[in-house]
C-alpha atoms as a PDB file:
ATOM      1  CA  MET A   1     -21.587  53.100 -17.989  1.00  0.00           C
ATOM      2  CA  ARG A   2     -19.031  53.934 -20.635  1.00  0.00           C
ATOM      3  CA  ILE A   3     -18.019  57.685 -20.786  1.00  0.00           C
ATOM      4  CA  ALA A   4     -16.156  59.398 -23.443  1.00  0.00           C
ATOM      5  CA  LEU A   5     -13.987  62.266 -22.346  1.00  0.00           C
ATOM      6  CA  ALA A   6     -13.593  64.855 -25.240  1.00  0.00           C
ATOM      7  CA  GLN A   7     -10.497  66.878 -24.734  1.00  0.00           C
ATOM      8  CA  MET A   8     -10.189  69.491 -27.234  1.00  0.00           C
ATOM      9  CA  THR A   9      -9.237  72.938 -28.137  1.00  0.00           C
ATOM     10  CA  SER A  10     -12.011  75.422 -29.119  1.00  0.00           C
ATOM     11  CA  SER A  11     -11.564  78.092 -31.532  1.00  0.00           C
ATOM     12  CA  ARG A  12     -13.364  81.347 -32.329  1.00  0.00           C
ATOM     13  CA  SER A  13     -15.426  79.634 -35.063  1.00  0.00           C
ATOM     14  CA  LEU A  14     -18.608  78.382 -33.977  1.00  0.00           C
ATOM     15  CA  ASP A  15     -19.014  76.106 -37.167  1.00  0.00           C
ATOM     16  CA  ASP A  16     -15.518  74.521 -36.728  1.00  0.00           C
ATOM     17  CA  ASN A  17     -16.239  73.803 -33.133  1.00  0.00           C
ATOM     18  CA  LEU A  18     -19.485  72.161 -34.077  1.00  0.00           C
ATOM     19  CA  GLY A  19     -17.794  70.025 -36.660  1.00  0.00           C
ATOM     20  CA  LEU A  20     -15.505  68.740 -33.889  1.00  0.00           C
ATOM     21  CA  VAL A  21     -18.454  67.983 -31.729  1.00  0.00           C
ATOM     22  CA  ARG A  22     -20.266  66.128 -34.513  1.00  0.00           C
ATOM     23  CA  GLN A  23     -17.134  64.067 -35.388  1.00  0.00           C
ATOM     24  CA  THR A  24     -16.429  63.020 -31.834  1.00  0.00           C
ATOM     25  CA  LEU A  25     -20.125  62.112 -31.157  1.00  0.00           C
ATOM     26  CA  ALA A  26     -20.139  60.135 -34.212  1.00  0.00           C
ATOM     27  CA  GLU A  27     -17.133  58.368 -33.182  1.00  0.00           C
ATOM     28  CA  ALA A  28     -18.260  57.867 -29.607  1.00  0.00           C
ATOM     29  CA  GLY A  29     -21.470  56.224 -30.904  1.00  0.00           C
ATOM     30  CA  ARG A  30     -19.442  53.773 -32.844  1.00  0.00           C
ATOM     31  CA  ARG A  31     -17.571  52.886 -29.862  1.00  0.00           C
ATOM     32  CA  HIS A  32     -20.735  52.320 -27.643  1.00  0.00           C
ATOM     33  CA  ALA A  33     -20.334  55.384 -25.237  1.00  0.00           C
ATOM     34  CA  ASP A  34     -23.255  56.172 -23.248  1.00  0.00           C
ATOM     35  CA  ILE A  35     -22.223  59.683 -22.447  1.00  0.00           C
ATOM     36  CA  VAL A  36     -19.612  62.091 -24.004  1.00  0.00           C
ATOM     37  CA  VAL A  37     -18.574  65.093 -21.963  1.00  0.00           C
ATOM     38  CA  PHE A  38     -17.185  68.084 -23.788  1.00  0.00           C
ATOM     39  CA  PRO A  39     -15.198  70.927 -22.107  1.00  0.00           C
ATOM     40  CA  GLU A  40     -16.443  74.344 -20.955  1.00  0.00           C
ATOM     41  CA  ALA A  41     -16.510  76.837 -23.744  1.00  0.00           C
ATOM     42  CA  THR A  42     -16.814  74.213 -26.603  1.00  0.00           C
ATOM     43  CA  MET A  43     -18.996  76.647 -28.401  1.00  0.00           C
ATOM     44  CA  ARG A  44     -16.283  79.274 -28.536  1.00  0.00           C
ATOM     45  CA  ALA A  45     -12.925  79.649 -26.882  1.00  0.00           C
ATOM     46  CA  PHE A  46     -12.268  82.115 -24.187  1.00  0.00           C
ATOM     47  CA  GLY A  47     -10.455  85.260 -25.204  1.00  0.00           C
ATOM     48  CA  ASN A  48     -13.134  85.992 -27.933  1.00  0.00           C
ATOM     49  CA  SER A  49     -16.297  87.811 -27.804  1.00  0.00           C
ATOM     50  CA  LEU A  50     -19.164  86.037 -26.221  1.00  0.00           C
ATOM     51  CA  THR A  51     -22.102  88.129 -25.816  1.00  0.00           C
ATOM     52  CA  ASP A  52     -22.572  88.188 -29.698  1.00  0.00           C
ATOM     53  CA  ILE A  53     -22.893  84.470 -30.038  1.00  0.00           C
ATOM     54  CA  ALA A  54     -24.705  83.625 -26.783  1.00  0.00           C
ATOM     55  CA  GLU A  55     -28.069  81.910 -27.817  1.00  0.00           C
ATOM     56  CA  PRO A  56     -31.107  80.403 -26.184  1.00  0.00           C
ATOM     57  CA  LEU A  57     -31.034  76.600 -25.322  1.00  0.00           C
ATOM     58  CA  ASP A  58     -33.117  76.090 -28.392  1.00  0.00           C
ATOM     59  CA  GLY A  59     -30.864  78.116 -30.771  1.00  0.00           C
ATOM     60  CA  PRO A  60     -29.184  76.945 -33.883  1.00  0.00           C
ATOM     61  CA  TRP A  61     -25.922  75.881 -32.186  1.00  0.00           C
ATOM     62  CA  ALA A  62     -27.745  73.800 -29.641  1.00  0.00           C
ATOM     63  CA  THR A  63     -30.167  72.243 -31.738  1.00  0.00           C
ATOM     64  CA  ALA A  64     -27.354  71.047 -34.092  1.00  0.00           C
ATOM     65  CA  VAL A  65     -25.593  69.439 -31.070  1.00  0.00           C
ATOM     66  CA  ARG A  66     -28.748  67.849 -30.098  1.00  0.00           C
ATOM     67  CA  ALA A  67     -29.315  66.474 -33.443  1.00  0.00           C
ATOM     68  CA  ALA A  68     -25.823  64.892 -33.567  1.00  0.00           C
ATOM     69  CA  ALA A  69     -26.184  63.305 -30.358  1.00  0.00           C
ATOM     70  CA  ASP A  70     -29.513  61.779 -31.321  1.00  0.00           C
ATOM     71  CA  GLU A  71     -27.818  60.491 -34.411  1.00  0.00           C
ATOM     72  CA  ALA A  72     -25.055  58.845 -32.504  1.00  0.00           C
ATOM     73  CA  GLY A  73     -27.383  57.620 -29.777  1.00  0.00           C
ATOM     74  CA  VAL A  74     -25.395  59.168 -26.820  1.00  0.00           C
ATOM     75  CA  VAL A  75     -26.103  61.591 -24.220  1.00  0.00           C
ATOM     76  CA  VAL A  76     -23.916  64.950 -24.803  1.00  0.00           C
ATOM     77  CA  VAL A  77     -22.558  67.353 -22.104  1.00  0.00           C
ATOM     78  CA  VAL A  78     -21.069  70.422 -23.798  1.00  0.00           C
ATOM     79  CA  GLY A  79     -20.113  73.806 -22.649  1.00  0.00           C
ATOM     80  CA  MET A  80     -21.990  76.689 -24.504  1.00  0.00           C
ATOM     81  CA  PHE A  81     -23.024  80.393 -23.762  1.00  0.00           C
ATOM     82  CA  THR A  82     -26.585  81.551 -23.304  1.00  0.00           C
ATOM     83  CA  PRO A  83     -27.879  84.898 -22.710  1.00  0.00           C
ATOM     84  CA  GLY A  84     -27.810  86.181 -19.261  1.00  0.00           C
ATOM     85  CA  GLU A  85     -28.716  89.509 -17.521  1.00  0.00           C
ATOM     86  CA  PRO A  86     -28.746  92.514 -19.969  1.00  0.00           C
ATOM     87  CA  GLY A  87     -25.168  92.783 -21.312  1.00  0.00           C
ATOM     88  CA  THR A  88     -23.957  89.365 -19.835  1.00  0.00           C
ATOM     89  CA  ILE A  89     -24.111  85.733 -20.808  1.00  0.00           C
ATOM     90  CA  ARG A  90     -24.422  82.636 -18.866  1.00  0.00           C
ATOM     91  CA  ASN A  91     -21.711  79.889 -18.807  1.00  0.00           C
ATOM     92  CA  THR A  92     -24.006  76.955 -19.462  1.00  0.00           C
ATOM     93  CA  LEU A  93     -23.554  73.017 -19.682  1.00  0.00           C
ATOM     94  CA  LEU A  94     -26.287  71.657 -22.173  1.00  0.00           C
ATOM     95  CA  VAL A  95     -27.264  67.918 -21.515  1.00  0.00           C
ATOM     96  CA  HIS A  96     -29.182  66.069 -24.194  1.00  0.00           C
ATOM     97  CA  GLY A  97     -29.918  62.507 -25.377  1.00  0.00           C
ATOM     98  CA  ARG A  98     -31.576  59.412 -24.783  1.00  0.00           C
ATOM     99  CA  GLY A  99     -34.686  61.192 -23.359  1.00  0.00           C
ATOM    100  CA  VAL A 100     -32.671  63.434 -21.137  1.00  0.00           C
ATOM    101  CA  GLU A 101     -32.840  67.152 -21.298  1.00  0.00           C
ATOM    102  CA  ALA A 102     -31.153  69.416 -18.779  1.00  0.00           C
ATOM    103  CA  HIS A 103     -28.695  72.391 -18.341  1.00  0.00           C
ATOM    104  CA  TYR A 104     -26.421  73.713 -15.767  1.00  0.00           C
ATOM    105  CA  ASP A 105     -25.416  77.504 -15.292  1.00  0.00           C
ATOM    106  CA  LYS A 106     -22.096  77.940 -13.638  1.00  0.00           C
ATOM    107  CA  ILE A 107     -22.473  78.976 -10.071  1.00  0.00           C
ATOM    108  CA  HIS A 108     -18.966  80.115  -8.863  1.00  0.00           C
ATOM    109  CA  LEU A 109     -17.596  82.529 -11.324  1.00  0.00           C
ATOM    110  CA  TYR A 110     -13.910  82.820 -11.922  1.00  0.00           C
ATOM    111  CA  ASP A 111     -12.948  85.968  -9.980  1.00  0.00           C
ATOM    112  CA  ALA A 112      -9.418  84.864  -9.411  1.00  0.00           C
ATOM    113  CA  PHE A 113      -5.821  85.235 -10.828  1.00  0.00           C
ATOM    114  CA  GLY A 114      -6.800  88.745 -12.073  1.00  0.00           C
ATOM    115  CA  PHE A 115      -9.733  87.519 -14.140  1.00  0.00           C
ATOM    116  CA  LEU A 116     -13.064  88.887 -13.530  1.00  0.00           C
ATOM    117  CA  GLU A 117     -15.759  86.453 -14.997  1.00  0.00           C
ATOM    118  CA  SER A 118     -18.595  88.302 -13.006  1.00  0.00           C
ATOM    119  CA  ASP A 119     -18.005  91.387 -15.155  1.00  0.00           C
ATOM    120  CA  THR A 120     -19.675  89.663 -18.104  1.00  0.00           C
ATOM    121  CA  VAL A 121     -21.315  86.448 -16.738  1.00  0.00           C
ATOM    122  CA  THR A 122     -24.470  85.986 -14.827  1.00  0.00           C
ATOM    123  CA  ALA A 123     -24.176  83.451 -12.034  1.00  0.00           C
ATOM    124  CA  GLY A 124     -26.264  80.249 -11.934  1.00  0.00           C
ATOM    125  CA  LYS A 125     -28.155  79.533  -8.664  1.00  0.00           C
ATOM    126  CA  GLU A 126     -29.100  75.853  -8.383  1.00  0.00           C
ATOM    127  CA  PRO A 127     -26.974  72.734  -8.410  1.00  0.00           C
ATOM    128  CA  VAL A 128     -28.309  70.267 -11.193  1.00  0.00           C
ATOM    129  CA  THR A 129     -28.224  66.547 -11.572  1.00  0.00           C
ATOM    130  CA  PHE A 130     -29.670  64.080 -14.222  1.00  0.00           C
ATOM    131  CA  THR A 131     -29.942  60.485 -14.577  1.00  0.00           C
ATOM    132  CA  VAL A 132     -29.204  58.135 -17.383  1.00  0.00           C
ATOM    133  CA  ASP A 133     -29.834  54.432 -17.279  1.00  0.00           C
ATOM    134  CA  GLY A 134     -30.413  54.532 -13.412  1.00  0.00           C
ATOM    135  CA  VAL A 135     -27.076  56.410 -12.964  1.00  0.00           C
ATOM    136  CA  THR A 136     -27.183  59.824 -11.473  1.00  0.00           C
ATOM    137  CA  PHE A 137     -24.684  62.578 -12.572  1.00  0.00           C
ATOM    138  CA  GLY A 138     -23.800  65.998 -10.968  1.00  0.00           C
ATOM    139  CA  LEU A 139     -22.669  68.940 -13.010  1.00  0.00           C
ATOM    140  CA  ALA A 140     -20.048  71.467 -12.318  1.00  0.00           C
ATOM    141  CA  THR A 141     -17.874  74.015 -14.507  1.00  0.00           C
ATOM    142  CA  CYS A 142     -14.273  74.790 -13.938  1.00  0.00           C
ATOM    143  CA  TYR A 143     -13.953  77.206 -10.913  1.00  0.00           C
ATOM    144  CA  ASP A 144     -16.773  75.296  -9.348  1.00  0.00           C
ATOM    145  CA  VAL A 145     -14.291  72.632  -8.417  1.00  0.00           C
ATOM    146  CA  ARG A 146     -12.698  74.695  -5.723  1.00  0.00           C
ATOM    147  CA  PHE A 147     -16.058  74.550  -3.804  1.00  0.00           C
ATOM    148  CA  PRO A 148     -16.727  71.220  -2.194  1.00  0.00           C
ATOM    149  CA  ASN A 149     -20.349  72.078  -0.896  1.00  0.00           C
ATOM    150  CA  LEU A 150     -21.595  71.910  -4.541  1.00  0.00           C
ATOM    151  CA  PHE A 151     -20.380  68.375  -4.905  1.00  0.00           C
ATOM    152  CA  THR A 152     -21.695  67.134  -1.560  1.00  0.00           C
ATOM    153  CA  ALA A 153     -25.083  68.904  -2.465  1.00  0.00           C
ATOM    154  CA  THR A 154     -25.311  66.956  -5.798  1.00  0.00           C
ATOM    155  CA  ALA A 155     -24.224  63.791  -4.095  1.00  0.00           C
ATOM    156  CA  ASP A 156     -26.962  64.423  -1.526  1.00  0.00           C
ATOM    157  CA  ASP A 157     -29.326  64.581  -4.290  1.00  0.00           C
ATOM    158  CA  GLY A 158     -28.238  61.242  -5.625  1.00  0.00           C
ATOM    159  CA  ALA A 159     -25.241  61.891  -7.801  1.00  0.00           C
ATOM    160  CA  GLN A 160     -22.954  58.861  -8.105  1.00  0.00           C
ATOM    161  CA  VAL A 161     -20.739  60.481 -10.936  1.00  0.00           C
ATOM    162  CA  GLN A 162     -19.626  64.247 -10.859  1.00  0.00           C
ATOM    163  CA  LEU A 163     -18.999  65.742 -14.318  1.00  0.00           C
ATOM    164  CA  VAL A 164     -16.488  68.843 -14.299  1.00  0.00           C
ATOM    165  CA  CYS A 165     -16.144  70.641 -17.613  1.00  0.00           C
ATOM    166  CA  ALA A 166     -13.356  73.178 -17.639  1.00  0.00           C
ATOM    167  CA  SER A 167     -11.208  75.606 -19.445  1.00  0.00           C
ATOM    168  CA  TRP A 168      -8.509  75.595 -16.907  1.00  0.00           C
ATOM    169  CA  GLY A 169      -6.120  78.557 -16.956  1.00  0.00           C
ATOM    170  CA  ALA A 170      -2.360  77.851 -17.045  1.00  0.00           C
ATOM    171  CA  GLY A 171       0.003  79.251 -14.698  1.00  0.00           C
ATOM    172  CA  PRO A 172       2.543  78.459 -11.757  1.00  0.00           C
ATOM    173  CA  GLY A 173       0.991  75.617  -9.793  1.00  0.00           C
ATOM    174  CA  LYS A 174      -2.344  75.408 -11.662  1.00  0.00           C
ATOM    175  CA  ALA A 175      -1.734  71.966 -12.933  1.00  0.00           C
ATOM    176  CA  GLU A 176      -0.930  70.564  -9.486  1.00  0.00           C
ATOM    177  CA  GLN A 177      -3.976  72.349  -8.269  1.00  0.00           C
ATOM    178  CA  TRP A 178      -6.195  70.849 -10.900  1.00  0.00           C
ATOM    179  CA  ASP A 179      -4.903  67.407 -10.119  1.00  0.00           C
ATOM    180  CA  LEU A 180      -5.506  67.846  -6.346  1.00  0.00           C
ATOM    181  CA  LEU A 181      -8.978  69.364  -6.636  1.00  0.00           C
ATOM    182  CA  VAL A 182     -10.394  66.634  -8.895  1.00  0.00           C
ATOM    183  CA  ARG A 183      -9.323  64.044  -6.573  1.00  0.00           C
ATOM    184  CA  ALA A 184     -10.510  65.988  -3.487  1.00  0.00           C
ATOM    185  CA  ARG A 185     -13.938  66.357  -4.939  1.00  0.00           C
ATOM    186  CA  ALA A 186     -14.403  62.626  -5.596  1.00  0.00           C
ATOM    187  CA  VAL A 187     -13.442  61.775  -2.053  1.00  0.00           C
ATOM    188  CA  ASP A 188     -15.707  64.638  -0.720  1.00  0.00           C
ATOM    189  CA  SER A 189     -18.606  63.175  -2.590  1.00  0.00           C
ATOM    190  CA  THR A 190     -17.638  59.602  -2.582  1.00  0.00           C
ATOM    191  CA  CYS A 191     -18.451  59.698  -6.337  1.00  0.00           C
ATOM    192  CA  PHE A 192     -16.606  58.887  -9.519  1.00  0.00           C
ATOM    193  CA  LEU A 193     -15.354  62.350 -10.814  1.00  0.00           C
ATOM    194  CA  VAL A 194     -14.920  62.739 -14.498  1.00  0.00           C
ATOM    195  CA  ALA A 195     -13.111  66.045 -15.331  1.00  0.00           C
ATOM    196  CA  VAL A 196     -12.786  67.175 -18.959  1.00  0.00           C
ATOM    197  CA  GLY A 197     -10.685  70.227 -19.739  1.00  0.00           C
ATOM    198  CA  GLN A 198      -9.835  72.176 -22.762  1.00  0.00           C
ATOM    199  CA  SER A 199      -6.607  70.971 -24.258  1.00  0.00           C
ATOM    200  CA  ASP A 200      -3.286  73.308 -24.036  1.00  0.00           C
ATOM    201  CA  PRO A 201      -3.647  75.470 -27.443  1.00  0.00           C
ATOM    202  CA  GLU A 202       0.174  75.003 -27.964  1.00  0.00           C
ATOM    203  CA  ALA A 203      -0.065  71.235 -27.807  1.00  0.00           C
ATOM    204  CA  ALA A 204      -2.857  71.438 -30.286  1.00  0.00           C
ATOM    205  CA  GLY A 205      -0.967  73.868 -32.441  1.00  0.00           C
ATOM    206  CA  VAL A 206      -3.558  76.576 -32.051  1.00  0.00           C
ATOM    207  CA  GLN A 207      -2.567  80.321 -31.110  1.00  0.00           C
ATOM    208  CA  ALA A 208      -3.931  81.015 -27.522  1.00  0.00           C
ATOM    209  CA  GLN A 209      -5.590  84.315 -26.752  1.00  0.00           C
ATOM    210  CA  HIS A 210      -3.210  86.145 -24.356  1.00  0.00           C
ATOM    211  CA  GLY A 211      -4.533  86.155 -20.822  1.00  0.00           C
ATOM    212  CA  ALA A 212      -7.599  84.021 -21.642  1.00  0.00           C
ATOM    213  CA  PRO A 213      -7.914  80.660 -19.560  1.00  0.00           C
ATOM    214  CA  THR A 214      -7.707  78.395 -22.514  1.00  0.00           C
ATOM    215  CA  GLY A 215      -6.796  75.024 -21.135  1.00  0.00           C
ATOM    216  CA  ILE A 216      -3.925  72.772 -20.010  1.00  0.00           C
ATOM    217  CA  GLY A 217      -5.538  69.396 -20.754  1.00  0.00           C
ATOM    218  CA  ARG A 218      -5.026  66.745 -17.991  1.00  0.00           C
ATOM    219  CA  SER A 219      -8.605  65.495 -18.141  1.00  0.00           C
ATOM    220  CA  ALA A 220      -9.061  62.737 -15.812  1.00  0.00           C
ATOM    221  CA  VAL A 221     -11.170  59.987 -14.237  1.00  0.00           C
ATOM    222  CA  VAL A 222     -10.989  59.422 -10.483  1.00  0.00           C
ATOM    223  CA  ASP A 223     -12.674  56.842  -8.367  1.00  0.00           C
ATOM    224  CA  PRO A 224     -14.936  57.523  -5.207  1.00  0.00           C
ATOM    225  CA  PHE A 225     -11.825  56.644  -2.886  1.00  0.00           C
ATOM    226  CA  GLY A 226      -9.678  59.493  -4.828  1.00  0.00           C
ATOM    227  CA  HIS A 227      -7.646  57.016  -6.817  1.00  0.00           C
ATOM    228  CA  LEU A 228      -6.719  58.352 -10.388  1.00  0.00           C
ATOM    229  CA  ILE A 229      -7.989  55.798 -12.905  1.00  0.00           C
ATOM    230  CA  GLU A 230      -6.609  57.538 -16.018  1.00  0.00           C
ATOM    231  CA  ARG A 231      -5.464  60.848 -17.240  1.00  0.00           C
ATOM    232  CA  LEU A 232      -4.893  62.550 -20.564  1.00  0.00           C
ATOM    233  CA  GLY A 233      -1.985  64.645 -21.546  1.00  0.00           C
ATOM    234  CA  SER A 234      -1.766  68.243 -22.797  1.00  0.00           C
ATOM    235  CA  GLY A 235      -3.149  67.750 -26.519  1.00  0.00           C
ATOM    236  CA  PRO A 236      -6.525  67.025 -27.986  1.00  0.00           C
ATOM    237  CA  ASP A 237      -7.563  63.494 -27.174  1.00  0.00           C
ATOM    238  CA  THR A 238     -10.531  61.397 -26.359  1.00  0.00           C
ATOM    239  CA  LEU A 239     -10.523  58.847 -23.378  1.00  0.00           C
ATOM    240  CA  TYR A 240     -13.082  56.229 -23.086  1.00  0.00           C
ATOM    241  CA  VAL A 241     -13.718  54.759 -19.424  1.00  0.00           C
ATOM    242  CA  ASP A 242     -16.080  51.953 -18.263  1.00  0.00           C
ATOM    243  CA  LEU A 243     -17.298  52.992 -14.745  1.00  0.00           C
ATOM    244  CA  ASP A 244     -18.217  50.294 -12.243  1.00  0.00           C
ATOM    245  CA  LEU A 245     -20.826  51.850 -10.213  1.00  0.00           C
ATOM    246  CA  ALA A 246     -20.683  49.320  -7.353  1.00  0.00           C
ATOM    247  CA  ARG A 247     -17.437  51.216  -6.459  1.00  0.00           C
ATOM    248  CA  VAL A 248     -19.608  54.115  -5.365  1.00  0.00           C
ATOM    249  CA  GLU A 249     -21.598  51.811  -2.740  1.00  0.00           C
ATOM    250  CA  GLN A 250     -18.281  50.450  -1.695  1.00  0.00           C
ATOM    251  CA  ALA A 251     -16.801  53.662  -0.889  1.00  0.00           C
ATOM    252  CA  ARG A 252     -19.967  54.992   0.863  1.00  0.00           C
ATOM    253  CA  ALA A 253     -19.918  51.862   3.196  1.00  0.00           C
ATOM    254  CA  ALA A 254     -16.439  52.235   3.914  1.00  0.00           C
ATOM    255  CA  LEU A 255     -16.206  56.010   4.150  1.00  0.00           C
ATOM    256  CA  PRO A 256     -19.699  57.399   4.926  1.00  0.00           C
ATOM    257  CA  VAL A 257     -18.767  61.020   5.063  1.00  0.00           C
ATOM    258  CA  LEU A 258     -22.065  62.026   3.373  1.00  0.00           C
ATOM    259  CA  ALA A 259     -24.002  60.414   6.196  1.00  0.00           C
ATOM    260  CA  ASN A 260     -21.574  61.472   8.955  1.00  0.00           C
ATOM    261  CA  SER A 261     -21.671  65.297   7.895  1.00  0.00           C
ATOM    262  CA  VAL A 262     -23.000  67.805  10.298  1.00  0.00           C
ATOM    263  CA  SER A 263     -24.123  71.377   9.888  1.00  0.00           C
ATOM    264  CA  LEU A 264     -21.585  73.642  11.953  1.00  0.00           C
END
C-alpha cells in the first residue's frame, strides 16, 4: 500500500488550491500511489471566510477533485468545508476514488488556545472508516488527535491505518505536542498513523493570516509500535511511503491493547 502525504500551504483561492491538488494527484498517479492524503482546509486556508465557500459534497470544487483523482487512478483524502447548521460549516474530509466514496466531519472542535471553532463549525457525530484493496483506514482531523477514543473506535471497526489531516497551529510547545500525539495514537490503536499537515506558511513564502492555525508542517508516518518511519520538514513537500500491513498484525499479537481494553 503506497501512500502519498501531500504537505502544502493552502491560500484563499479555491482555484489555486484546486490546481495544487490536481498537480499533486497527477504526479502521485505517475508514481503509483494508492492513496493521496491532503491536509485539513485544503479547499481554503483558515483565517479566511469559510461560510461563503462551503459547498455540498457534490458541489463544483469537490466534483473537480473527484475527476482529478479518477484521472490519476488514485484514492484522494482532502480537507474541504461543507454546509452545517444555519450560519455554520462542517470541517469535512472528502474521500473518493477506485470505487470508494466516503466523508468524515470533524468531531472534536478546536476550542483551545484562544480559538473557538465551535462558534462557526457544526461538529460531526460518527467515526468513519473506509477500505481500499482490503486495507481499512480511519479518519481524523487535527484536534481529534488529542482524543484516543476516536482512534480506538476506528481500530475496533477494523482500521489498520489512521489518517490525520491537520492545519496545526503554531506556538510554544505545539510542535512537540504534535510529534508526541501522532506517535501516541499509533500505539493506542496499534495502527500505522499517517499525519498530514499544512506546511508552515513562512517556509512556503506565504503571508499567514494572523492568529489562524495555518500549519507547521512535520507530516509524519508512524508504525503500530510508535516508531517514527519518516517526517517532513516545515515547507511544502510530498512524501511517499510503502506500508507493510503485516506490521499491524505483529503489533497486535505482541501488544493486544485493543483486545485487553475494559470499560471503566
